Amino acid sequence: MKFERRDIILIVGLFLLMIGLIPFMAPVYAVIVVVGLYFGIKLYVGKKRQSIQNDVGEGICMECGSKIVENRCSNCDLNSE
């Protein structure tokens, strides 16, 4: 999990959520909830990014939008033959 610039927005948002949770629960529990949310969101985004990377592969065909494998589009190459 690499730290990126947009993580600052996530941290600020979760900090504000923590402040909002403090009146309803002990500050220690609010911190635990926020830290759990942070790592949960980071894990979800990482898995989603990896899934998209696997789906895209080397790129996307400009004609039909399918995945390019070995510098060739499987859809367009089948249609042209």
Protein backbone atom coordinates (compact mmCIF):
# COMPACT_ATOMS: atom_id res chain seq x y z
CA MET A 1 0.00 0.00 0.00
CA LYS A 2 1.80 3.02 -1.32
CA PHE A 3 0.98 6.49 0.02
CA GLU A 4 -0.39 8.76 -2.72
CA ARG A 5 -1.43 12.39 -2.80
CA ARG A 6 -5.12 11.58 -2.77
CA ASP A 7 -4.66 9.72 0.51
CA ILE A 8 -4.46 13.12 2.20
CA ILE A 9 -8.11 13.71 1.27
CA LEU A 10 -9.00 10.27 2.65
CA ILE A 11 -7.16 10.97 5.89
CA VAL A 12 -8.83 14.37 6.33
CA GLY A 13 -12.26 12.86 5.63
CA LEU A 14 -11.70 10.04 8.09
CA PHE A 15 -10.40 12.50 10.68
CA LEU A 16 -13.63 14.49 10.35
CA LEU A 17 -15.60 11.25 10.68
CA MET A 18 -13.65 10.47 13.84
CA ILE A 19 -14.52 13.87 15.28
CA GLY A 20 -18.16 13.18 14.46
CA LEU A 21 -18.05 9.78 16.18
CA ILE A 22 -16.50 11.03 19.42
CA PRO A 23 -19.82 12.25 20.96
CA PHE A 24 -21.35 8.80 20.45
CA MET A 25 -18.47 6.59 21.58
CA ALA A 26 -15.18 6.75 23.42
CA PRO A 27 -12.35 8.43 21.48
CA VAL A 28 -10.32 5.22 21.56
CA TYR A 29 -13.09 3.31 19.78
CA ALA A 30 -13.54 6.13 17.28
CA VAL A 31 -9.83 5.94 16.43
CA ILE A 32 -10.03 2.15 16.05
CA VAL A 33 -13.04 2.47 13.71
CA VAL A 34 -11.32 5.13 11.59
CA VAL A 35 -8.05 3.19 11.32
CA GLY A 36 -10.01 0.09 10.31
CA LEU A 37 -11.88 2.09 7.68
CA TYR A 38 -8.62 3.54 6.33
CA PHE A 39 -6.98 0.17 5.83
CA GLY A 40 -10.23 -1.34 4.53
CA ILE A 41 -10.57 1.39 1.90
CA LYS A 42 -6.90 1.10 0.93
CA LEU A 43 -7.24 -2.68 0.57
CA TYR A 44 -10.43 -2.37 -1.51
CA VAL A 45 -8.90 0.24 -3.84
CA GLY A 46 -5.75 -1.85 -4.23
CA LYS A 47 -7.71 -4.97 -5.18
CA LYS A 48 -9.93 -2.98 -7.56
CA ARG A 49 -6.88 -1.39 -9.24
CA GLN A 50 -5.24 -4.80 -9.61
CA SER A 51 -8.44 -6.22 -11.13
CA ILE A 52 -8.63 -3.37 -13.65
CA GLN A 53 -4.93 -3.82 -14.48
CA ASN A 54 -5.50 -7.53 -15.15
CA ASP A 55 -8.53 -6.79 -17.34
CA VAL A 56 -6.74 -4.15 -19.39
CA GLY A 57 -3.52 -6.08 -19.89
CA GLU A 58 -1.35 -4.39 -22.54
CA GLY A 59 -4.10 -1.97 -23.47
CA ILE A 60 -7.54 -1.59 -24.98
CA CYS A 61 -8.38 -1.72 -28.69
CA MET A 62 -9.50 1.64 -30.09
CA GLU A 63 -11.92 -0.03 -32.53
CA CYS A 64 -13.92 -2.40 -30.35
CA GLY A 65 -12.69 -1.82 -26.76
CA SER A 66 -11.52 -5.37 -26.06
CA LYS A 67 -8.28 -6.37 -24.38
CA ILE A 68 -5.08 -6.40 -26.43
CA VAL A 69 -2.96 -9.55 -26.04
CA GLU A 70 0.48 -9.88 -27.65
CA ASN A 71 -0.02 -6.57 -29.51
CA ARG A 72 -3.14 -7.90 -31.28
CA CYS A 73 -6.86 -7.46 -30.70
CA SER A 74 -8.65 -10.80 -30.56
CA ASN A 75 -12.00 -9.35 -31.77
CA CYS A 76 -10.74 -7.23 -34.66
CA ASP A 77 -8.25 -9.87 -35.87
CA LEU A 78 -10.99 -12.52 -36.01
CA ASN A 79 -13.35 -10.18 -37.88
CA SER A 80 -10.75 -9.17 -40.49
CA GLU A 81 -9.85 -12.78 -41.41
